[in-house]
Protein backbone atom coordinates (compact mmCIF):
# COMPACT_ATOMS: atom_id res chain seq x y z
CA MET A 1 31.22 -21.22 -132.99
CA LEU A 2 27.86 -20.53 -134.56
CA LEU A 3 26.42 -17.13 -133.78
CA SER A 4 23.63 -16.86 -131.34
CA ARG A 5 21.41 -14.03 -130.12
CA LYS A 6 22.39 -14.72 -126.52
CA PRO A 7 26.10 -15.50 -126.35
CA ASN A 8 27.37 -18.11 -123.93
CA HIS A 9 23.82 -19.36 -123.31
CA ALA A 10 22.38 -21.26 -126.25
CA ASP A 11 25.26 -23.69 -126.60
CA ARG A 12 25.39 -24.53 -122.93
CA GLY A 13 21.74 -25.50 -123.19
CA GLY A 14 22.62 -27.93 -125.95
CA HIS A 15 21.11 -25.97 -128.87
CA VAL A 16 23.11 -24.70 -131.78
CA GLU A 17 21.79 -21.60 -133.47
CA GLN A 18 21.51 -22.37 -137.19
CA ASN A 19 22.98 -19.14 -138.45
CA ASN A 20 23.13 -15.40 -138.08
CA ALA A 21 21.52 -14.31 -141.29
CA ALA A 22 22.44 -10.67 -140.86
CA ALA A 23 26.12 -11.58 -140.54
CA LEU A 24 26.00 -13.75 -143.65
CA ARG A 25 24.37 -10.94 -145.60
CA LEU A 26 27.33 -8.80 -144.69
CA ALA A 27 29.79 -11.39 -146.03
CA PRO A 28 30.44 -11.30 -149.81
CA ILE A 29 29.67 -14.51 -151.71
CA PRO A 30 33.00 -16.12 -152.62
CA THR A 31 33.62 -16.64 -156.32
CA PRO A 32 36.94 -18.51 -156.55
CA SER A 33 38.40 -18.99 -160.01
CA ARG A 34 38.58 -22.34 -161.72
CA GLN A 35 42.42 -22.10 -161.51
CA SER A 36 42.37 -21.85 -157.73
CA LEU A 37 39.85 -24.65 -157.29
CA ARG A 38 41.80 -26.98 -159.65
CA GLY A 39 45.01 -25.97 -157.91
CA LEU A 40 43.48 -27.04 -154.56
CA ASP A 41 42.39 -30.37 -156.09
CA TRP A 42 45.87 -31.19 -157.34
CA PHE A 43 47.57 -29.90 -154.23
CA ILE A 44 45.57 -32.38 -152.14
CA PHE A 45 46.19 -35.18 -154.61
CA PHE A 46 50.01 -34.69 -154.64
CA LEU A 47 50.16 -34.04 -150.89
CA ALA A 48 48.44 -37.43 -150.35
CA ASP A 49 51.15 -38.91 -152.58
CA VAL A 50 53.90 -37.31 -150.49
CA GLN A 51 52.39 -38.42 -147.17
CA THR A 52 51.91 -42.00 -148.38
CA GLY A 53 55.66 -42.42 -148.53
CA PHE A 54 55.79 -42.19 -144.71
CA GLY A 55 53.36 -45.01 -144.09
CA PRO A 56 54.34 -48.66 -143.71
CA PHE A 57 57.26 -48.10 -146.11
CA ILE A 58 59.29 -46.68 -143.24
CA ALA A 59 59.29 -50.00 -141.36
CA VAL A 60 60.11 -51.89 -144.53
CA TYR A 61 63.03 -49.58 -145.37
CA LEU A 62 64.50 -49.50 -141.90
CA THR A 63 64.24 -53.27 -141.67
CA THR A 64 66.35 -53.59 -144.83
CA GLN A 65 68.88 -51.23 -143.19
CA LYS A 66 69.33 -53.77 -140.35
CA TRP A 67 67.40 -51.81 -137.77
CA THR A 68 65.90 -53.75 -134.89
CA GLN A 69 62.19 -53.78 -134.28
CA VAL A 70 62.72 -51.97 -131.04
CA GLU A 71 64.51 -49.11 -132.83
CA ILE A 72 61.82 -48.99 -135.51
CA GLY A 73 59.08 -48.96 -132.94
CA LEU A 74 60.84 -46.16 -131.02
CA VAL A 75 61.04 -43.96 -134.13
CA LEU A 76 57.37 -44.58 -134.97
CA SER A 77 56.35 -43.86 -131.41
CA ILE A 78 58.29 -40.58 -131.32
CA GLY A 79 56.55 -39.52 -134.55
CA GLY A 80 53.20 -40.54 -133.09
CA ILE A 81 53.72 -38.60 -129.87
CA VAL A 82 54.78 -35.47 -131.73
CA ALA A 83 51.77 -35.77 -134.07
CA LEU A 84 49.45 -36.08 -131.09
CA ILE A 85 50.74 -33.17 -128.96
CA GLY A 86 51.14 -30.98 -132.07
CA GLN A 87 47.48 -30.98 -133.12
CA MET A 88 46.35 -27.95 -131.14
CA PRO A 89 49.55 -25.92 -131.61
CA GLY A 90 49.36 -26.69 -135.32
CA GLY A 91 45.82 -25.35 -135.46
CA ALA A 92 46.79 -22.25 -133.47
CA ILE A 93 49.65 -21.59 -135.89
CA ILE A 94 47.24 -21.64 -138.87
CA ASP A 95 44.82 -19.29 -137.01
CA ALA A 96 47.71 -16.88 -136.43
CA ALA A 97 49.14 -17.11 -139.99
CA LYS A 98 48.79 -14.24 -142.48
CA SER A 99 49.19 -16.68 -145.40
CA GLU A 100 48.03 -20.32 -145.13
CA ARG A 101 49.70 -20.96 -148.45
CA LEU A 102 53.11 -19.96 -147.15
CA VAL A 103 52.75 -22.12 -144.03
CA ALA A 104 51.69 -25.07 -146.18
CA ALA A 105 54.58 -24.53 -148.55
CA LEU A 106 57.13 -24.47 -145.71
CA ALA A 107 55.61 -27.65 -144.28
CA ILE A 108 55.88 -29.40 -147.67
CA VAL A 109 59.52 -28.34 -148.13
CA THR A 110 60.26 -29.71 -144.65
CA ILE A 111 58.61 -33.04 -145.43
CA GLY A 112 60.45 -33.28 -148.72
CA PHE A 113 63.81 -32.86 -147.06
CA CYS A 114 62.79 -35.35 -144.31
CA ALA A 115 62.24 -37.91 -147.04
CA LEU A 116 65.60 -37.11 -148.53
CA ALA A 117 67.21 -37.52 -145.06
CA TYR A 118 65.65 -41.02 -144.74
CA ALA A 119 67.12 -42.00 -148.07
CA ALA A 120 70.57 -40.39 -147.70
CA MET A 121 71.48 -41.19 -144.09
CA PRO A 122 69.40 -43.87 -142.32
CA ILE A 123 71.19 -43.56 -138.99
CA PHE A 124 69.28 -43.17 -135.70
CA PRO A 125 69.84 -39.44 -134.93
CA VAL A 126 68.97 -38.41 -138.49
CA VAL A 127 65.89 -40.61 -138.73
CA VAL A 128 64.58 -39.54 -135.37
CA THR A 129 65.00 -35.84 -136.32
CA ALA A 130 63.31 -36.48 -139.69
CA ALA A 131 60.41 -38.33 -138.02
CA THR A 132 59.95 -35.50 -135.55
CA LEU A 133 60.01 -32.78 -138.20
CA HIS A 134 57.70 -34.74 -140.48
CA ALA A 135 55.13 -35.15 -137.67
CA ALA A 136 55.31 -31.49 -136.73
CA ALA A 137 54.88 -30.39 -140.37
CA SER A 138 51.93 -32.71 -140.81
CA CYS A 139 50.18 -31.07 -137.83
CA VAL A 140 49.81 -27.81 -139.79
CA LEU A 141 48.97 -29.32 -143.18
CA GLY A 142 45.55 -30.76 -142.28
CA PRO A 143 44.31 -27.48 -140.78
CA ALA A 144 45.92 -25.56 -143.65
CA ILE A 145 43.94 -27.52 -146.24
CA ALA A 146 40.64 -27.02 -144.48
CA ALA A 147 41.48 -23.31 -143.89
CA ILE A 148 42.37 -22.71 -147.51
CA SER A 149 39.15 -24.48 -148.57
CA LEU A 150 37.05 -22.37 -146.21
CA GLY A 151 38.85 -19.20 -147.30
CA LEU A 152 38.13 -20.02 -150.97
CA VAL A 153 34.48 -21.12 -150.89
CA GLY A 154 33.01 -19.77 -147.63
CA PRO A 155 30.93 -21.57 -144.93
CA LEU A 156 27.84 -22.36 -147.09
CA ALA A 157 29.76 -24.23 -149.76
CA ILE A 158 32.33 -25.88 -147.57
CA GLY A 159 30.48 -29.27 -147.34
CA GLU A 160 30.72 -29.99 -151.06
CA ARG A 161 34.27 -28.68 -151.20
CA LEU A 162 35.35 -31.01 -148.36
CA GLY A 163 33.79 -33.93 -150.20
CA ARG A 164 35.92 -33.04 -153.21
CA ASN A 165 38.98 -32.77 -151.03
CA ALA A 166 38.37 -36.27 -149.70
CA ARG A 167 37.99 -37.65 -153.20
CA PHE A 168 41.36 -36.28 -154.38
CA ALA A 169 43.09 -37.34 -151.20
CA SER A 170 41.80 -40.90 -151.62
CA LEU A 171 42.85 -41.00 -155.26
CA GLY A 172 46.31 -39.64 -154.31
CA ASN A 173 46.73 -42.30 -151.65
CA GLY A 174 45.80 -45.11 -154.03
CA VAL A 175 48.02 -43.91 -156.86
CA ALA A 176 50.94 -43.26 -154.53
CA ALA A 177 50.71 -46.70 -152.93
CA ALA A 178 50.82 -48.32 -156.36
CA VAL A 179 53.70 -46.15 -157.61
CA MET A 180 55.77 -46.50 -154.51
CA GLY A 181 55.15 -50.21 -154.17
CA THR A 182 56.29 -50.69 -157.75
CA ALA A 183 59.35 -48.50 -157.24
CA GLY A 184 60.21 -50.44 -154.07
CA TYR A 185 59.82 -53.76 -155.87
CA LEU A 186 61.69 -52.88 -159.03
CA LEU A 187 64.43 -50.66 -157.50
CA SER A 188 64.82 -50.66 -153.72
CA SER A 189 62.95 -49.59 -150.62
CA ARG A 190 65.19 -46.50 -150.52
CA SER A 191 63.65 -45.36 -153.82
CA VAL A 192 60.29 -44.80 -152.08
CA PHE A 193 61.74 -41.84 -150.24
CA LEU A 194 63.43 -40.43 -153.30
CA VAL A 195 60.04 -40.58 -155.08
CA THR A 196 58.46 -38.88 -152.07
CA PHE A 197 61.04 -36.03 -152.28
CA LEU A 198 60.42 -35.63 -155.98
CA LEU A 199 56.63 -35.52 -155.49
CA ALA A 200 57.07 -32.51 -153.25
CA ILE A 201 57.83 -30.52 -156.40
CA PRO A 202 54.45 -30.93 -158.18
CA THR A 203 52.79 -30.44 -154.78
CA LEU A 204 54.37 -27.02 -154.45
CA ILE A 205 53.48 -26.17 -158.09
CA ALA A 206 49.83 -27.06 -157.48
CA LEU A 207 49.82 -24.94 -154.31
CA SER A 208 51.16 -21.97 -156.28
CA ARG A 209 48.19 -22.22 -158.60
CA ILE A 210 45.86 -21.22 -155.79
CA ARG A 211 45.53 -17.43 -156.05
CA GLU A 212 46.52 -15.71 -152.81
CA GLU A 213 44.00 -12.94 -153.26
CA GLU A 214 41.12 -15.45 -153.47
CA VAL A 215 41.91 -17.07 -150.13
CA ASP A 216 40.11 -14.78 -147.62
CA ILE A 217 42.21 -14.77 -144.48
CA ALA A 218 39.30 -13.91 -142.18
CA ARG A 219 37.27 -16.84 -143.51
CA CYS A 220 40.34 -19.13 -143.20
CA HIS A 221 40.36 -18.42 -139.44
CA GLY A 222 36.60 -18.81 -139.11
CA GLU A 223 35.88 -15.11 -138.61
CA MET A 224 32.63 -13.56 -139.70
CA PRO A 225 31.60 -9.93 -140.50
CA ARG A 226 29.34 -8.52 -137.82
CA GLU A 227 27.08 -5.50 -137.57
CA ALA A 228 28.09 -5.18 -133.95
CA PRO A 229 30.58 -7.12 -131.77
CA VAL A 230 29.21 -10.05 -129.77
CA PRO A 231 30.91 -10.24 -126.39
CA GLY A 232 32.72 -13.51 -125.77
CA ASP A 233 32.21 -14.95 -129.25
CA THR A 234 35.89 -14.77 -130.21
CA ASN A 235 37.17 -15.96 -126.80
CA VAL A 236 39.08 -19.24 -126.93
CA TRP A 237 37.62 -20.50 -123.64
CA HIS A 238 34.13 -19.81 -124.89
CA LEU A 239 34.90 -21.92 -127.95
CA ILE A 240 36.30 -24.94 -126.14
CA ARG A 241 33.43 -24.97 -123.59
CA GLN A 242 30.81 -25.30 -126.32
CA ARG A 243 28.74 -28.39 -125.92
CA PRO A 244 28.63 -29.34 -129.62
CA LEU A 245 32.39 -29.23 -129.85
CA ILE A 246 32.87 -31.29 -126.71
CA VAL A 247 30.29 -33.89 -127.76
CA PHE A 248 31.67 -34.14 -131.26
CA ALA A 249 35.30 -34.52 -130.02
CA LEU A 250 34.14 -37.28 -127.70
CA SER A 251 32.29 -38.98 -130.56
CA VAL A 252 35.42 -38.81 -132.79
CA LEU A 253 37.47 -40.34 -129.92
CA LEU A 254 34.97 -43.22 -129.76
CA LEU A 255 35.12 -43.52 -133.56
CA GLN A 256 38.89 -43.96 -133.53
CA LEU A 257 38.81 -46.18 -130.42
CA ALA A 258 36.49 -48.53 -132.31
CA ASN A 259 38.08 -48.24 -135.74
CA ALA A 260 41.86 -48.07 -135.48
CA ALA A 261 42.38 -51.63 -134.20
CA MET A 262 40.00 -53.34 -136.66
CA MET A 263 42.35 -53.42 -139.69
CA PRO A 264 45.43 -54.78 -137.85
CA LEU A 265 43.31 -57.49 -136.12
CA MET A 266 41.64 -58.37 -139.40
CA ALA A 267 45.05 -58.62 -141.18
CA SER A 268 46.25 -61.01 -138.45
CA ALA A 269 43.11 -63.10 -138.86
CA VAL A 270 43.47 -63.26 -142.61
CA THR A 271 47.11 -64.27 -142.33
CA ALA A 272 46.16 -67.12 -139.93
CA ARG A 273 43.44 -68.37 -142.24
CA SER A 274 45.10 -67.91 -145.63
CA SER A 275 48.81 -67.16 -145.28
CA GLN A 276 49.50 -67.73 -148.97
CA TRP A 277 47.12 -64.93 -150.14
CA ALA A 278 47.33 -62.74 -147.04
CA THR A 279 49.31 -59.94 -148.65
CA VAL A 280 47.04 -59.74 -151.65
CA LEU A 281 43.89 -59.86 -149.56
CA VAL A 282 45.11 -57.18 -147.14
CA ALA A 283 46.03 -55.01 -150.15
CA PHE A 284 42.48 -55.33 -151.45
CA CYS A 285 41.16 -54.54 -148.02
CA ILE A 286 43.06 -51.20 -148.21
CA VAL A 287 42.12 -50.42 -151.81
CA VAL A 288 38.36 -51.09 -151.47
CA PRO A 289 37.69 -48.44 -148.80
CA GLN A 290 39.85 -45.89 -150.73
CA ALA A 291 37.71 -46.52 -153.83
CA ILE A 292 34.50 -46.10 -151.83
CA VAL A 293 35.78 -42.79 -150.33
CA ALA A 294 36.70 -41.49 -153.82
CA LEU A 295 33.26 -42.44 -155.09
CA LEU A 296 31.07 -41.32 -152.19
CA SER A 297 32.79 -38.27 -150.67
CA PRO A 298 31.38 -35.54 -152.97
CA THR A 299 27.87 -37.00 -152.45
CA VAL A 300 28.41 -36.90 -148.67
CA GLY A 301 29.37 -33.23 -148.92
CA ARG A 302 26.19 -32.43 -150.89
CA LYS A 303 23.88 -34.49 -148.66
CA ALA A 304 25.32 -32.90 -145.57
CA GLN A 305 23.81 -29.64 -146.66
CA ALA A 306 20.52 -31.16 -147.83
CA TRP A 307 19.93 -33.60 -144.94
CA GLY A 308 21.95 -32.12 -142.11
CA ARG A 309 24.97 -33.53 -140.31
CA ARG A 310 23.41 -35.92 -137.78
CA PRO A 311 21.89 -38.39 -140.29
CA LEU A 312 25.25 -38.87 -142.00
CA LEU A 313 27.06 -39.26 -138.65
CA LEU A 314 24.56 -42.00 -137.74
CA ILE A 315 25.21 -43.73 -141.07
CA GLY A 316 28.95 -43.57 -140.43
CA PHE A 317 28.74 -45.02 -136.94
CA GLY A 318 26.20 -47.60 -138.04
CA ALA A 319 28.51 -48.86 -140.81
CA LEU A 320 31.36 -49.15 -138.33
CA THR A 321 29.19 -51.09 -135.89
CA ILE A 322 28.08 -53.55 -138.61
CA ARG A 323 31.70 -53.94 -139.81
CA GLY A 324 32.85 -54.99 -136.36
CA LEU A 325 30.05 -57.54 -136.02
CA LEU A 326 30.80 -58.99 -139.51
CA PHE A 327 34.52 -59.24 -138.72
CA ALA A 328 33.55 -61.23 -135.60
CA THR A 329 31.32 -63.68 -137.49
CA VAL A 330 32.66 -63.99 -141.05
CA ARG A 331 35.20 -66.79 -141.47
CA ASP A 332 35.87 -66.76 -145.20
CA PRO A 333 38.96 -64.50 -145.71
CA TYR A 334 37.74 -63.53 -149.20
CA LEU A 335 34.40 -62.26 -147.81
CA LEU A 336 36.32 -60.00 -145.46
CA VAL A 337 37.29 -57.90 -148.46
CA ALA A 338 33.55 -57.30 -149.16
CA VAL A 339 33.10 -56.29 -145.50
CA GLN A 340 35.56 -53.48 -146.08
CA VAL A 341 32.88 -51.69 -148.08
CA PHE A 342 31.48 -50.61 -144.67
CA ASP A 343 34.94 -49.17 -143.83
CA GLY A 344 34.73 -47.11 -146.98
CA ILE A 345 31.32 -45.74 -146.00
CA THR A 346 32.54 -44.73 -142.53
CA ALA A 347 35.72 -43.19 -143.96
CA ALA A 348 33.74 -41.23 -146.62
CA VAL A 349 31.40 -39.80 -143.98
CA PHE A 350 34.01 -38.77 -141.47
CA ALA A 351 36.58 -37.46 -143.99
CA VAL A 352 33.94 -34.83 -144.78
CA MET A 353 32.11 -34.53 -141.47
CA ILE A 354 35.05 -33.91 -139.16
CA PRO A 355 36.24 -30.61 -140.72
CA LEU A 356 32.69 -29.67 -141.74
CA ILE A 357 31.21 -29.91 -138.23
CA VAL A 358 34.23 -28.12 -136.77
CA ALA A 359 33.59 -25.37 -139.29
CA ASP A 360 29.95 -25.26 -138.23
CA VAL A 361 30.74 -24.94 -134.56
CA ALA A 362 33.78 -22.70 -134.73
CA PHE A 363 32.93 -20.36 -137.58
CA GLY A 364 32.55 -16.84 -136.25
CA SER A 365 35.04 -17.39 -133.41
CA GLY A 366 38.23 -16.79 -135.42
CA HIS A 367 39.64 -20.08 -133.98
CA PHE A 368 38.50 -22.61 -136.57
CA ASN A 369 41.88 -24.22 -136.89
CA LEU A 370 42.44 -24.46 -133.14
CA ALA A 371 39.11 -26.26 -132.96
CA GLN A 372 40.38 -28.64 -135.63
CA GLY A 373 43.39 -29.28 -133.42
CA ILE A 374 41.16 -30.14 -130.49
CA VAL A 375 39.23 -32.73 -132.54
CA GLY A 376 42.59 -33.93 -134.02
CA THR A 377 43.87 -34.55 -130.51
CA ALA A 378 40.77 -36.64 -129.71
CA THR A 379 41.41 -38.56 -132.94
CA GLY A 380 44.99 -39.33 -131.88
CA ILE A 381 44.05 -40.43 -128.36
CA GLY A 382 41.34 -42.71 -129.63
CA ALA A 383 43.59 -44.33 -132.25
CA SER A 384 46.46 -44.78 -129.80
CA LEU A 385 44.24 -46.49 -127.16
CA SER A 386 42.46 -48.60 -129.79
CA THR A 387 45.37 -50.67 -130.96
CA ALA A 388 46.55 -51.37 -127.37
CA LEU A 389 43.01 -52.23 -126.18
CA GLY A 390 42.17 -54.35 -129.24
CA GLY A 391 45.46 -56.26 -129.06
CA TYR A 392 45.04 -56.98 -125.38
CA VAL A 393 41.45 -58.28 -125.73
CA SER A 394 42.40 -60.29 -128.79
CA ASP A 395 45.31 -62.01 -126.90
CA LYS A 396 43.20 -62.75 -123.88
CA PHE A 397 39.84 -63.63 -125.35
CA GLY A 398 40.27 -64.07 -129.12
CA ASN A 399 39.67 -61.99 -132.20
CA ALA A 400 35.88 -62.46 -132.23
CA THR A 401 35.52 -60.99 -128.72
CA ALA A 402 37.79 -58.07 -129.66
CA PHE A 403 35.72 -57.29 -132.74
CA ILE A 404 32.44 -57.47 -130.78
CA GLY A 405 33.93 -55.12 -128.17
CA LEU A 406 35.05 -52.63 -130.85
CA SER A 407 31.59 -52.83 -132.41
CA GLY A 408 30.09 -52.02 -129.03
CA ILE A 409 32.23 -48.91 -128.77
CA ALA A 410 31.04 -47.86 -132.25
CA ALA A 411 27.43 -48.42 -131.08
CA THR A 412 28.09 -46.20 -128.10
CA GLY A 413 29.25 -43.48 -130.49
CA LEU A 414 26.05 -43.91 -132.48
CA LEU A 415 23.94 -43.44 -129.32
CA LEU A 416 25.94 -40.38 -128.35
CA ILE A 417 25.15 -38.77 -131.75
CA LEU A 418 21.53 -39.85 -131.60
CA LEU A 419 20.80 -38.69 -128.06
CA VAL A 420 23.20 -35.81 -127.31
CA MET A 421 24.74 -34.29 -130.44
CA PRO A 422 22.80 -31.28 -131.76
CA GLU A 423 22.36 -30.51 -135.46
CA THR A 424 25.00 -27.99 -136.60
CA ARG A 425 24.06 -27.39 -140.23
CA ARG A 426 24.23 -23.79 -141.20
CA LEU A 427 21.59 -22.39 -143.52
CA ALA A 428 21.73 -19.57 -146.02
CA PRO A 429 19.49 -16.65 -145.12
CA LYS A 430 16.93 -17.48 -147.81
CA GLU A 431 16.82 -21.12 -146.59
CA LYS A 432 16.33 -19.99 -143.05
CA ALA A 433 13.56 -17.60 -144.07
CA GLY A 434 11.81 -20.34 -146.00
């Protein structure tokens, strides 16, 4: 929550106070070492590598182990449900933690042994347990990364830091997909999980390079020094009633509702139009957005501080709206790859904006990571509903109608940002004075 002169009043009126300059003057300017910043870079890179092993490779591996599609779907659904309901508890755990690095390390060790369990014993009870533990561990890793980042650089530099995080995560995803795909092709689908287990080692080494004393625990939790207590500011219920947080969570739900179904529907359309090259084209459709995210994310972080948050949110929703309309009208499967540039723009914007706006709204409350869990829950609900809704409309009315409908949902999100969402950018005291 941003600080205001009249607690519990300004946010209900729809206005977000830009900053409490006196409180920021009380806070020391963070000066993290190059070692810690580089350690965070490589931690995010290798963590993305580890998490990539639990993507579509699970379905491929279990299929080779003679699992039925019903069994595979059940395992994936269990993991998805745990990931959804674990968002807010995961954030609360990070807010309560005395060391975000320790929580992150325990989560990585858990995920590494889950990968080993997949490879060693692909029987139903073991795989279900591994899927559950992996999903639960993942619920704390996202908030932990944002918390460590905030603890290192502080609220005024967090935008650019989040842009850098998104770049290294995107690079990690791309490299891991190539490495694991090659390992699966040359060796076996089981080798993907062995590679995932081994990648947990450099992930832990990179995490250890982040100096504990440079990660300010109060900043990690979104706390702020105060000259005098402000009644209600650290109350959880005051946080979750804030209009900016509610509006932003709703906009993220609309984002996922519009976005999650687009790629599966597009893949089906490409397969129908060019089955011979479908795999290659879909692979390019995944790689292109990742490249755009890696290229643009740091710029998004910098522009978020220079322009404010709302212009970038409008760009992200606008790109998603255009993408849906183009998917509905473009027939050439090769041009669909070019359309994925808009996916990259949207992904680059929201990879930075989601944790950044949560930091704007929740900083000062001491519940930054719980607020991340609230928005993460909205993300999961939107994504879950999107695939079911998109598939139903596509079956009944065709792909073009489904894409137009998804584009309409994205346009609704754009209008919500334009008409209702307040600007949440926080300014340094000298910027505010100027």
